[in-house]
C-alpha atoms as a PDB file:
ATOM      1  CA  MET A   1     112.908 112.038 128.932  1.00  0.00           C
ATOM      2  CA  ASN A   2     112.545 111.628 132.574  1.00  0.00           C
ATOM      3  CA  LEU A   3     111.582 108.423 134.412  1.00  0.00           C
ATOM      4  CA  LYS A   4     108.147 109.781 135.538  1.00  0.00           C
ATOM      5  CA  LYS A   5     107.078 110.469 131.865  1.00  0.00           C
ATOM      6  CA  ILE A   6     108.327 107.035 130.766  1.00  0.00           C
ATOM      7  CA  ILE A   7     106.363 105.261 133.497  1.00  0.00           C
ATOM      8  CA  GLY A   8     103.376 107.336 132.637  1.00  0.00           C
ATOM      9  CA  LEU A   9     103.507 106.348 128.964  1.00  0.00           C
ATOM     10  CA  LEU A  10     104.049 102.654 129.813  1.00  0.00           C
ATOM     11  CA  LEU A  11     100.935 102.748 132.152  1.00  0.00           C
ATOM     12  CA  ILE A  12      98.817 104.330 129.451  1.00  0.00           C
ATOM     13  CA  ALA A  13     100.088 101.706 126.934  1.00  0.00           C
ATOM     14  CA  PHE A  14      99.218  98.976 129.393  1.00  0.00           C
ATOM     15  CA  VAL A  15      95.627 100.318 129.955  1.00  0.00           C
ATOM     16  CA  ILE A  16      95.133 100.509 126.217  1.00  0.00           C
ATOM     17  CA  PHE A  17      96.460  96.932 125.776  1.00  0.00           C
ATOM     18  CA  TYR A  18      94.213  95.607 128.554  1.00  0.00           C
ATOM     19  CA  VAL A  19      91.028  97.378 127.252  1.00  0.00           C
ATOM     20  CA  LEU A  20      91.667  95.987 123.732  1.00  0.00           C
ATOM     21  CA  SER A  21      92.518  92.457 124.989  1.00  0.00           C
ATOM     22  CA  PHE A  22      89.743  92.143 127.606  1.00  0.00           C
ATOM     23  CA  PRO A  23      86.907  94.508 126.728  1.00  0.00           C
ATOM     24  CA  GLU A  24      84.147  92.821 128.839  1.00  0.00           C
ATOM     25  CA  GLU A  25      86.407  92.736 132.029  1.00  0.00           C
ATOM     26  CA  SER A  26      87.426  96.290 131.355  1.00  0.00           C
ATOM     27  CA  SER A  27      83.850  97.492 131.141  1.00  0.00           C
ATOM     28  CA  GLN A  28      82.965  95.701 134.380  1.00  0.00           C
ATOM     29  CA  ILE A  29      85.893  97.469 136.093  1.00  0.00           C
ATOM     30  CA  ILE A  30      84.720 100.844 134.811  1.00  0.00           C
ATOM     31  CA  LYS A  31      81.030 100.189 135.820  1.00  0.00           C
ATOM     32  CA  SER A  32      82.062  99.123 139.395  1.00  0.00           C
ATOM     33  CA  THR A  33      84.421 102.106 139.671  1.00  0.00           C
ATOM     34  CA  VAL A  34      81.784 104.573 138.599  1.00  0.00           C
ATOM     35  CA  GLY A  35      79.264 102.985 140.866  1.00  0.00           C
ATOM     36  CA  ALA A  36      81.631 103.265 143.880  1.00  0.00           C
ATOM     37  CA  LEU A  37      82.385 106.942 143.024  1.00  0.00           C
ATOM     38  CA  GLY A  38      78.611 107.661 142.751  1.00  0.00           C
ATOM     39  CA  ASP A  39      77.979 106.014 146.113  1.00  0.00           C
ATOM     40  CA  ALA A  40      80.841 107.961 147.713  1.00  0.00           C
ATOM     41  CA  ALA A  41      79.508 111.226 146.325  1.00  0.00           C
ATOM     42  CA  GLY A  42      76.016 110.445 147.672  1.00  0.00           C
ATOM     43  CA  ASN A  43      77.292 109.542 151.046  1.00  0.00           C
ATOM     44  CA  PHE A  44      79.390 112.735 151.124  1.00  0.00           C
ATOM     45  CA  ALA A  45      76.456 114.826 150.185  1.00  0.00           C
ATOM     46  CA  THR A  46      74.368 113.252 152.986  1.00  0.00           C
ATOM     47  CA  PHE A  47      77.254 114.032 155.468  1.00  0.00           C
ATOM     48  CA  VAL A  48      77.439 117.649 154.339  1.00  0.00           C
ATOM     49  CA  LYS A  49      73.604 117.996 154.615  1.00  0.00           C
ATOM     50  CA  SER A  50      73.651 116.650 158.100  1.00  0.00           C
ATOM     51  CA  ILE A  51      76.319 119.165 159.254  1.00  0.00           C
ATOM     52  CA  PHE A  52      74.312 122.075 158.035  1.00  0.00           C
ATOM     53  CA  ALA A  53      70.957 120.779 159.100  1.00  0.00           C
END
């Protein structure tokens, strides 16, 4: 197994451990991340509209 695959598996294991250990904090992180991605997508759409307007 190469090092990249081992690090990836360890990262996945850590994420699963964190979600199971701290479910409320994990949900807050997901909510804020999705909100930030939504805001970024909206801002990008506005930018593209302004280019072609």
